[in-house]
Amino acid sequence: MRVYQRLKDLREGSDKNQTKIAKILGIKYQQYGKYERGERELPMHHFITLARYYNVSLDYLAGIIDTPRKLD
């Protein structure tokens, strides 16, 4: 569940709504909402896109580590 909360926290921390993030991923906001609620599994290519967008490592985004690391 940590992954889904992390998605929401990053989005809210960047002052974006679900519609904006869905647009970045090229999906409908309803689908993105399901990712944040844990109703659907986020595909790896979306993980990569979001890691680049938020400038955080995949291990942080996936909830493996708790301290964000910036991408080089």
Protein backbone atom coordinates (compact mmCIF):
# COMPACT_ATOMS: atom_id res chain seq x y z
CA MET A 1 0.00 0.00 0.00
CA ARG A 2 2.97 2.29 0.47
CA VAL A 3 3.36 2.70 -3.30
CA TYR A 4 -0.14 4.07 -3.78
CA GLN A 5 0.20 6.51 -0.91
CA ARG A 6 3.56 7.63 -2.29
CA LEU A 7 1.94 8.38 -5.68
CA LYS A 8 -0.67 10.53 -3.96
CA ASP A 9 1.85 12.26 -1.70
CA LEU A 10 4.14 13.14 -4.62
CA ARG A 11 1.22 14.46 -6.66
CA GLU A 12 -0.16 16.55 -3.83
CA GLY A 13 3.34 17.75 -2.90
CA SER A 14 3.79 19.07 -6.42
CA ASP A 15 0.37 20.78 -6.21
CA LYS A 16 -1.06 18.79 -9.14
CA ASN A 17 -4.43 17.14 -9.53
CA GLN A 18 -5.11 13.66 -10.88
CA THR A 19 -6.15 15.09 -14.25
CA LYS A 20 -2.73 16.73 -14.75
CA ILE A 21 -0.82 13.54 -13.88
CA ALA A 22 -3.13 11.44 -16.05
CA LYS A 23 -2.42 13.77 -18.96
CA ILE A 24 1.34 13.32 -18.45
CA LEU A 25 0.82 9.55 -18.58
CA GLY A 26 -1.55 9.75 -21.56
CA ILE A 27 -4.45 8.13 -19.70
CA LYS A 28 -7.84 9.18 -18.33
CA TYR A 29 -7.92 10.64 -14.82
CA GLN A 30 -10.28 7.87 -13.69
CA GLN A 31 -7.63 5.29 -14.54
CA TYR A 32 -4.97 7.23 -12.67
CA GLY A 33 -7.28 7.47 -9.66
CA LYS A 34 -7.45 3.69 -9.61
CA TYR A 35 -3.65 3.55 -9.45
CA GLU A 36 -3.60 5.88 -6.44
CA ARG A 37 -6.30 3.87 -4.68
CA GLY A 38 -4.53 0.58 -5.38
CA GLU A 39 -7.36 -0.74 -7.51
CA ARG A 40 -5.06 -1.26 -10.49
CA GLU A 41 -1.38 -2.01 -10.74
CA LEU A 42 0.72 0.79 -12.19
CA PRO A 43 2.60 -0.44 -15.29
CA MET A 44 6.38 -0.13 -15.27
CA HIS A 45 6.44 2.41 -18.11
CA HIS A 46 4.23 4.70 -16.00
CA PHE A 47 6.54 4.21 -13.01
CA ILE A 48 9.44 5.36 -15.17
CA THR A 49 7.53 8.37 -16.50
CA LEU A 50 6.52 9.44 -12.99
CA ALA A 51 10.02 8.93 -11.59
CA ARG A 52 11.36 11.24 -14.28
CA TYR A 53 8.55 13.75 -13.78
CA TYR A 54 9.02 13.95 -10.00
CA ASN A 55 12.81 13.54 -10.31
CA VAL A 56 12.93 10.66 -7.83
CA SER A 57 14.45 7.19 -8.07
CA LEU A 58 12.30 4.20 -8.91
CA ASP A 59 13.15 2.54 -5.60
CA TYR A 60 11.69 5.53 -3.75
CA LEU A 61 8.61 5.67 -5.97
CA ALA A 62 8.07 1.92 -5.49
CA GLY A 63 8.34 2.24 -1.71
CA ILE A 64 11.56 0.23 -1.37
CA ILE A 65 13.37 3.11 0.32
CA ASP A 66 11.89 5.93 2.37
CA THR A 67 14.32 8.73 1.57
CA PRO A 68 13.90 10.18 -1.90
CA ARG A 69 16.93 10.13 -4.15
CA LYS A 70 17.08 12.49 -7.08
CA LEU A 71 17.82 11.19 -10.54
CA ASP A 72 21.21 12.04 -12.00
